[in-house]
C-alpha cells in the first residue's frame, strides 16, 4: 500500500515535469545556452564582464547580443 502510493506520487511528478518541458522548458534552456557560437560567446563575454548578468532573462540576453559587434551587424541585416 505504501509502495503504491509512492509510485503514484512519483508518476505525478514525472508527468508534471514532462509537461513543463514540452510546453516551453526546452526553449527556455536552449535560449539560455544557445548552440550558435556567436551567441554563446557573447553570453560568455557578458557574464565575464558583469557578474550580475543572468542569461535566463530574455531582456539581458537581448541587451548582451546588441552590445556585441558581430551580433549587432547580423541583427541589422
PDB file of N, CA and C in Angstrom:
ATOM      1  N   UNK A   1       0.822  -1.194   0.000  1.00  0.00           N
ATOM      2  CA  UNK A   1       0.000   0.000   0.000  1.00  0.00           C
ATOM      3  C   UNK A   1       0.867   1.259   0.000  1.00  0.00           C
ATOM      4  N   UNK A   2       1.852   1.302   0.884  1.00  0.00           N
ATOM      5  CA  UNK A   2       2.734   2.467   0.951  1.00  0.00           C
ATOM      6  C   UNK A   2       3.567   2.584  -0.315  1.00  0.00           C
ATOM      7  N   UNK A   3       4.021   1.456  -0.843  1.00  0.00           N
ATOM      8  CA  UNK A   3       4.815   1.468  -2.064  1.00  0.00           C
ATOM      9  C   UNK A   3       4.015   1.962  -3.255  1.00  0.00           C
ATOM     10  N   UNK A   4       2.753   1.582  -3.345  1.00  0.00           N
ATOM     11  CA  UNK A   4       1.894   2.013  -4.440  1.00  0.00           C
ATOM     12  C   UNK A   4       1.654   3.522  -4.368  1.00  0.00           C
ATOM     13  N   UNK A   5       1.478   4.048  -3.175  1.00  0.00           N
ATOM     14  CA  UNK A   5       1.275   5.489  -3.003  1.00  0.00           C
ATOM     15  C   UNK A   5       2.508   6.272  -3.449  1.00  0.00           C
ATOM     16  N   UNK A   6       3.681   5.759  -3.116  1.00  0.00           N
ATOM     17  CA  UNK A   6       4.926   6.405  -3.511  1.00  0.00           C
ATOM     18  C   UNK A   6       5.090   6.386  -5.029  1.00  0.00           C
ATOM     19  N   UNK A   7       4.762   5.289  -5.649  1.00  0.00           N
ATOM     20  CA  UNK A   7       4.857   5.170  -7.107  1.00  0.00           C
ATOM     21  C   UNK A   7       3.898   6.153  -7.783  1.00  0.00           C
ATOM     22  N   UNK A   8       2.707   6.289  -7.245  1.00  0.00           N
ATOM     23  CA  UNK A   8       1.739   7.236  -7.821  1.00  0.00           C
ATOM     24  C   UNK A   8       2.243   8.670  -7.700  1.00  0.00           C
ATOM     25  N   UNK A   9       2.791   9.022  -6.561  1.00  0.00           N
ATOM     26  CA  UNK A   9       3.312  10.380  -6.365  1.00  0.00           C
ATOM     27  C   UNK A   9       4.471  10.667  -7.313  1.00  0.00           C
ATOM     28  N   UNK A  10       5.351   9.704  -7.476  1.00  0.00           N
ATOM     29  CA  UNK A  10       6.462   9.874  -8.404  1.00  0.00           C
ATOM     30  C   UNK A  10       5.962   9.999  -9.843  1.00  0.00           C
ATOM     31  N   UNK A  11       4.954   9.233 -10.179  1.00  0.00           N
ATOM     32  CA  UNK A  11       4.394   9.300 -11.530  1.00  0.00           C
ATOM     33  C   UNK A  11       3.796  10.682 -11.797  1.00  0.00           C
ATOM     34  N   UNK A  12       3.125  11.245 -10.805  1.00  0.00           N
ATOM     35  CA  UNK A  12       2.546  12.583 -10.965  1.00  0.00           C
ATOM     36  C   UNK A  12       3.657  13.606 -11.185  1.00  0.00           C
ATOM     37  N   UNK A  13       4.729  13.522 -10.426  1.00  0.00           N
ATOM     38  CA  UNK A  13       5.850  14.449 -10.580  1.00  0.00           C
ATOM     39  C   UNK A  13       6.466  14.304 -11.968  1.00  0.00           C
ATOM     40  N   UNK A  14       6.652  13.098 -12.424  1.00  0.00           N
ATOM     41  CA  UNK A  14       7.238  12.855 -13.745  1.00  0.00           C
ATOM     42  C   UNK A  14       6.341  13.435 -14.835  1.00  0.00           C
ATOM     43  N   UNK A  15       5.051  13.278 -14.726  1.00  0.00           N
ATOM     44  CA  UNK A  15       4.120  13.808 -15.727  1.00  0.00           C
ATOM     45  C   UNK A  15       4.155  15.331 -15.730  1.00  0.00           C
ATOM     46  N   UNK A  16       4.175  15.943 -14.556  1.00  0.00           N
ATOM     47  CA  UNK A  16       4.213  17.413 -14.473  1.00  0.00           C
ATOM     48  C   UNK A  16       5.504  17.950 -15.076  1.00  0.00           C
ATOM     49  N   UNK A  17       6.633  17.364 -14.721  1.00  0.00           N
ATOM     50  CA  UNK A  17       7.921  17.815 -15.261  1.00  0.00           C
ATOM     51  C   UNK A  17       7.953  17.622 -16.774  1.00  0.00           C
ATOM     52  N   UNK A  18       7.477  16.503 -17.243  1.00  0.00           N
ATOM     53  CA  UNK A  18       7.437  16.252 -18.687  1.00  0.00           C
ATOM     54  C   UNK A  18       6.563  17.256 -19.421  1.00  0.00           C
ATOM     55  N   UNK A  19       5.431  17.601 -18.848  1.00  0.00           N
ATOM     56  CA  UNK A  19       4.542  18.582 -19.473  1.00  0.00           C
ATOM     57  C   UNK A  19       5.198  19.953 -19.514  1.00  0.00           C
ATOM     58  N   UNK A  20       5.850  20.346 -18.437  1.00  0.00           N
ATOM     59  CA  UNK A  20       6.515  21.649 -18.407  1.00  0.00           C
ATOM     60  C   UNK A  20       7.644  21.716 -19.428  1.00  0.00           C
ATOM     61  N   UNK A  21       8.395  20.649 -19.558  1.00  0.00           N
ATOM     62  CA  UNK A  21       9.470  20.635 -20.548  1.00  0.00           C
ATOM     63  C   UNK A  21       8.912  20.693 -21.960  1.00  0.00           C
ATOM     64  N   UNK A  22       7.821  20.018 -22.188  1.00  0.00           N
ATOM     65  CA  UNK A  22       7.210  20.024 -23.507  1.00  0.00           C
ATOM     66  C   UNK A  22       6.606  21.363 -23.866  1.00  0.00           C
ATOM     67  N   UNK A  23       6.095  22.077 -22.874  1.00  0.00           N
ATOM     68  CA  UNK A  23       5.423  23.346 -23.127  1.00  0.00           C
ATOM     69  C   UNK A  23       6.410  24.448 -23.480  1.00  0.00           C
ATOM     70  N   UNK A  24       7.471  24.584 -22.739  1.00  0.00           N
ATOM     71  CA  UNK A  24       8.383  25.681 -23.028  1.00  0.00           C
ATOM     72  C   UNK A  24       9.712  25.580 -22.320  1.00  0.00           C
ATOM     73  N   UNK A  25       9.879  24.576 -21.535  1.00  0.00           N
ATOM     74  CA  UNK A  25      11.121  24.431 -20.786  1.00  0.00           C
ATOM     75  C   UNK A  25      12.330  24.214 -21.667  1.00  0.00           C
ATOM     76  N   UNK A  26      12.162  23.457 -22.732  1.00  0.00           N
ATOM     77  CA  UNK A  26      13.293  23.200 -23.622  1.00  0.00           C
ATOM     78  C   UNK A  26      13.710  24.467 -24.357  1.00  0.00           C
ATOM     79  N   UNK A  27      12.745  25.263 -24.802  1.00  0.00           N
ATOM     80  CA  UNK A  27      13.067  26.515 -25.477  1.00  0.00           C
ATOM     81  C   UNK A  27      13.758  27.466 -24.508  1.00  0.00           C
ATOM     82  N   UNK A  28      13.302  27.481 -23.279  1.00  0.00           N
ATOM     83  CA  UNK A  28      13.899  28.331 -22.244  1.00  0.00           C
ATOM     84  C   UNK A  28      15.375  27.996 -22.055  1.00  0.00           C
ATOM     85  N   UNK A  29      15.681  26.716 -21.968  1.00  0.00           N
ATOM     86  CA  UNK A  29      17.063  26.284 -21.772  1.00  0.00           C
ATOM     87  C   UNK A  29      17.884  26.521 -23.038  1.00  0.00           C
ATOM     88  N   UNK A  30      17.304  26.262 -24.212  1.00  0.00           N
ATOM     89  CA  UNK A  30      18.032  26.499 -25.472  1.00  0.00           C
ATOM     90  C   UNK A  30      18.347  27.977 -25.670  1.00  0.00           C
ATOM     91  N   UNK A  31      17.436  28.843 -25.240  1.00  0.00           N
ATOM     92  CA  UNK A  31      17.695  30.282 -25.350  1.00  0.00           C
ATOM     93  C   UNK A  31      18.811  30.707 -24.397  1.00  0.00           C
ATOM     94  N   UNK A  32      18.849  30.115 -23.221  1.00  0.00           N
ATOM     95  CA  UNK A  32      19.873  30.473 -22.234  1.00  0.00           C
ATOM     96  C   UNK A  32      21.238  29.888 -22.589  1.00  0.00           C
ATOM     97  N   UNK A  33      21.251  28.764 -23.271  1.00  0.00           N
ATOM     98  CA  UNK A  33      22.501  28.101 -23.675  1.00  0.00           C
ATOM     99  C   UNK A  33      22.441  27.816 -25.179  1.00  0.00           C
ATOM    100  N   UNK A  34      22.603  28.853 -26.009  1.00  0.00           N
ATOM    101  CA  UNK A  34      22.431  28.687 -27.463  1.00  0.00           C
ATOM    102  C   UNK A  34      23.534  27.849 -28.101  1.00  0.00           C
ATOM    103  N   UNK A  35      23.166  27.164 -29.173  1.00  0.00           N
ATOM    104  CA  UNK A  35      24.142  26.368 -29.936  1.00  0.00           C
ATOM    105  C   UNK A  35      24.945  27.247 -30.885  1.00  0.00           C
ATOM    106  N   UNK A  36      24.400  28.416 -31.228  1.00  0.00           N
ATOM    107  CA  UNK A  36      25.086  29.352 -32.122  1.00  0.00           C
ATOM    108  C   UNK A  36      26.366  29.850 -31.432  1.00  0.00           C
ATOM    109  N   UNK A  37      27.535  29.643 -32.050  1.00  0.00           N
ATOM    110  CA  UNK A  37      28.787  30.029 -31.389  1.00  0.00           C
ATOM    111  C   UNK A  37      28.896  31.530 -31.115  1.00  0.00           C
ATOM    112  N   UNK A  38      28.321  32.372 -31.967  1.00  0.00           N
ATOM    113  CA  UNK A  38      28.369  33.817 -31.727  1.00  0.00           C
ATOM    114  C   UNK A  38      27.554  34.192 -30.492  1.00  0.00           C
ATOM    115  N   UNK A  39      26.363  33.629 -30.385  1.00  0.00           N
ATOM    116  CA  UNK A  39      25.516  33.930 -29.232  1.00  0.00           C
ATOM    117  C   UNK A  39      26.113  33.356 -27.952  1.00  0.00           C
ATOM    118  N   UNK A  40      26.641  32.151 -28.045  1.00  0.00           N
ATOM    119  CA  UNK A  40      27.254  31.528 -26.882  1.00  0.00           C
ATOM    120  C   UNK A  40      28.457  32.336 -26.402  1.00  0.00           C
ATOM    121  N   UNK A  41      29.281  32.766 -27.339  1.00  0.00           N
ATOM    122  CA  UNK A  41      30.434  33.587 -26.994  1.00  0.00           C
ATOM    123  C   UNK A  41      30.041  34.935 -26.422  1.00  0.00           C
ATOM    124  N   UNK A  42      28.992  35.525 -26.982  1.00  0.00           N
ATOM    125  CA  UNK A  42      28.511  36.811 -26.480  1.00  0.00           C
ATOM    126  C   UNK A  42      28.042  36.682 -25.037  1.00  0.00           C
ATOM    127  N   UNK A  43      27.305  35.619 -24.737  1.00  0.00           N
ATOM    128  CA  UNK A  43      26.837  35.414 -23.360  1.00  0.00           C
ATOM    129  C   UNK A  43      28.009  35.188 -22.411  1.00  0.00           C
ATOM    130  N   UNK A  44      29.013  34.469 -22.867  1.00  0.00           N
ATOM    131  CA  UNK A  44      30.198  34.239 -22.031  1.00  0.00           C
ATOM    132  C   UNK A  44      30.920  35.550 -21.741  1.00  0.00           C
ATOM    133  N   UNK A  45      31.027  36.410 -22.764  1.00  0.00           N
ATOM    134  CA  UNK A  45      31.679  37.709 -22.567  1.00  0.00           C
ATOM    135  C   UNK A  45      30.880  38.582 -21.600  1.00  0.00           C
ATOM    136  N   UNK A  46      29.565  38.588 -21.744  1.00  0.00           N
ATOM    137  CA  UNK A  46      28.733  39.407 -20.859  1.00  0.00           C
ATOM    138  C   UNK A  46      28.816  38.912 -19.421  1.00  0.00           C
ATOM    139  N   UNK A  47      28.856  37.620 -19.243  1.00  0.00           N
ATOM    140  CA  UNK A  47      28.966  37.066 -17.891  1.00  0.00           C
ATOM    141  C   UNK A  47      30.321  37.394 -17.280  1.00  0.00           C
ATOM    142  N   UNK A  48      31.377  37.353 -18.091  1.00  0.00           N
ATOM    143  CA  UNK A  48      32.714  37.673 -17.585  1.00  0.00           C
ATOM    144  C   UNK A  48      32.828  39.158 -17.230  1.00  0.00           C
ATOM    145  N   UNK A  49      32.163  40.013 -18.001  1.00  0.00           N
ATOM    146  CA  UNK A  49      32.241  41.456 -17.766  1.00  0.00           C
ATOM    147  C   UNK A  49      31.337  41.908 -16.624  1.00  0.00           C
ATOM    148  N   UNK A  50      30.204  41.235 -16.457  1.00  0.00           N
ATOM    149  CA  UNK A  50      29.224  41.640 -15.442  1.00  0.00           C
ATOM    150  C   UNK A  50      28.759  40.392 -14.693  1.00  0.00           C
ATOM    151  N   UNK A  51      29.210  40.252 -13.461  1.00  0.00           N
ATOM    152  CA  UNK A  51      28.867  39.055 -12.686  1.00  0.00           C
ATOM    153  C   UNK A  51      27.410  39.059 -12.237  1.00  0.00           C
ATOM    154  N   UNK A  52      26.714  40.162 -12.451  1.00  0.00           N
ATOM    155  CA  UNK A  52      25.285  40.229 -12.152  1.00  0.00           C
ATOM    156  C   UNK A  52      24.421  39.832 -13.339  1.00  0.00           C
ATOM    157  N   UNK A  53      25.069  39.536 -14.465  1.00  0.00           N
ATOM    158  CA  UNK A  53      24.353  39.136 -15.680  1.00  0.00           C
ATOM    159  C   UNK A  53      23.697  37.777 -15.459  1.00  0.00           C
ATOM    160  N   UNK A  54      22.419  37.676 -15.853  1.00  0.00           N
ATOM    161  CA  UNK A  54      21.679  36.411 -15.734  1.00  0.00           C
ATOM    162  C   UNK A  54      21.201  36.023 -17.124  1.00  0.00           C
ATOM    163  N   UNK A  55      21.739  34.946 -17.646  1.00  0.00           N
ATOM    164  CA  UNK A  55      21.439  34.519 -19.014  1.00  0.00           C
ATOM    165  C   UNK A  55      20.013  34.019 -19.191  1.00  0.00           C
ATOM    166  N   UNK A  56      19.297  33.784 -18.107  1.00  0.00           N
ATOM    167  CA  UNK A  56      17.933  33.272 -18.203  1.00  0.00           C
ATOM    168  C   UNK A  56      16.903  34.365 -18.464  1.00  0.00           C
ATOM    169  N   UNK A  57      17.286  35.646 -18.347  1.00  0.00           N
ATOM    170  CA  UNK A  57      16.376  36.755 -18.616  1.00  0.00           C
ATOM    171  C   UNK A  57      16.522  37.187 -20.071  1.00  0.00           C
ATOM    172  N   UNK A  58      15.433  37.142 -20.812  1.00  0.00           N
ATOM    173  CA  UNK A  58      15.458  37.463 -22.246  1.00  0.00           C
ATOM    174  C   UNK A  58      15.935  38.895 -22.490  1.00  0.00           C
ATOM    175  N   UNK A  59      15.552  39.819 -21.618  1.00  0.00           N
ATOM    176  CA  UNK A  59      15.963  41.210 -21.806  1.00  0.00           C
ATOM    177  C   UNK A  59      17.481  41.349 -21.682  1.00  0.00           C
ATOM    178  N   UNK A  60      18.059  40.658 -20.724  1.00  0.00           N
ATOM    179  CA  UNK A  60      19.503  40.733 -20.541  1.00  0.00           C
ATOM    180  C   UNK A  60      20.236  40.071 -21.698  1.00  0.00           C
ATOM    181  N   UNK A  61      19.702  38.974 -22.221  1.00  0.00           N
ATOM    182  CA  UNK A  61      20.326  38.330 -23.387  1.00  0.00           C
ATOM    183  C   UNK A  61      20.271  39.253 -24.592  1.00  0.00           C
ATOM    184  N   UNK A  62      19.118  39.882 -24.826  1.00  0.00           N
ATOM    185  CA  UNK A  62      18.981  40.787 -25.974  1.00  0.00           C
ATOM    186  C   UNK A  62      19.937  41.969 -25.849  1.00  0.00           C
ATOM    187  N   UNK A  63      20.062  42.508 -24.654  1.00  0.00           N
ATOM    188  CA  UNK A  63      20.987  43.625 -24.425  1.00  0.00           C
ATOM    189  C   UNK A  63      22.429  43.179 -24.659  1.00  0.00           C
ATOM    190  N   UNK A  64      22.745  41.992 -24.225  1.00  0.00           N
ATOM    191  CA  UNK A  64      24.090  41.444 -24.406  1.00  0.00           C
ATOM    192  C   UNK A  64      24.400  41.271 -25.885  1.00  0.00           C
ATOM    193  N   UNK A  65      23.462  40.701 -26.640  1.00  0.00           N
ATOM    194  CA  UNK A  65      23.682  40.498 -28.067  1.00  0.00           C
ATOM    195  C   UNK A  65      23.848  41.836 -28.794  1.00  0.00           C
ATOM    196  N   UNK A  66      23.084  42.854 -28.362  1.00  0.00           N
ATOM    197  CA  UNK A  66      23.157  44.166 -29.001  1.00  0.00           C
ATOM    198  C   UNK A  66      24.511  44.832 -28.768  1.00  0.00           C
ATOM    199  N   UNK A  67      25.167  44.528 -27.656  1.00  0.00           N
ATOM    200  CA  UNK A  67      26.465  45.125 -27.345  1.00  0.00           C
ATOM    201  C   UNK A  67      27.607  44.470 -28.108  1.00  0.00           C
ATOM    202  N   UNK A  68      27.376  43.301 -28.694  1.00  0.00           N
ATOM    203  CA  UNK A  68      28.431  42.582 -29.402  1.00  0.00           C
ATOM    204  C   UNK A  68      28.500  43.057 -30.850  1.00  0.00           C
ATOM    205  N   UNK A  69      29.696  43.406 -31.337  1.00  0.00           N
ATOM    206  CA  UNK A  69      29.813  43.932 -32.706  1.00  0.00           C
ATOM    207  C   UNK A  69      29.289  42.971 -33.774  1.00  0.00           C
ATOM    208  N   UNK A  70      29.647  41.702 -33.693  1.00  0.00           N
ATOM    209  CA  UNK A  70      29.227  40.760 -34.736  1.00  0.00           C
ATOM    210  C   UNK A  70      27.727  40.507 -34.669  1.00  0.00           C
ATOM    211  N   UNK A  71      27.149  40.539 -33.469  1.00  0.00           N
ATOM    212  CA  UNK A  71      25.715  40.324 -33.345  1.00  0.00           C
ATOM    213  C   UNK A  71      24.932  41.551 -33.789  1.00  0.00           C
ATOM    214  N   UNK A  72      25.445  42.733 -33.524  1.00  0.00           N
ATOM    215  CA  UNK A  72      24.753  43.948 -33.932  1.00  0.00           C
ATOM    216  C   UNK A  72      24.684  44.014 -35.461  1.00  0.00           C
ATOM    217  N   UNK A  73      25.743  43.637 -36.142  1.00  0.00           N
ATOM    218  CA  UNK A  73      25.760  43.626 -37.598  1.00  0.00           C
ATOM    219  C   UNK A  73      24.836  42.568 -38.163  1.00  0.00           C
ATOM    220  N   UNK A  74      24.782  41.415 -37.526  1.00  0.00           N
ATOM    221  CA  UNK A  74      23.910  40.340 -38.012  1.00  0.00           C
ATOM    222  C   UNK A  74      22.449  40.662 -37.746  1.00  0.00           C
ATOM    223  N   UNK A  75      22.154  41.354 -36.654  1.00  0.00           N
ATOM    224  CA  UNK A  75      20.774  41.678 -36.323  1.00  0.00           C
ATOM    225  C   UNK A  75      20.211  42.727 -37.267  1.00  0.00           C
ATOM    226  N   UNK A  76      21.056  43.616 -37.788  1.00  0.00           N
ATOM    227  CA  UNK A  76      20.575  44.672 -38.675  1.00  0.00           C
ATOM    228  C   UNK A  76      20.278  44.152 -40.077  1.00  0.00           C
ATOM    229  N   UNK A  77      20.956  43.094 -40.491  1.00  0.00           N
ATOM    230  CA  UNK A  77      20.727  42.595 -41.851  1.00  0.00           C
ATOM    231  C   UNK A  77      19.603  41.599 -41.917  1.00  0.00           C
TER     232      UNK A  77
END
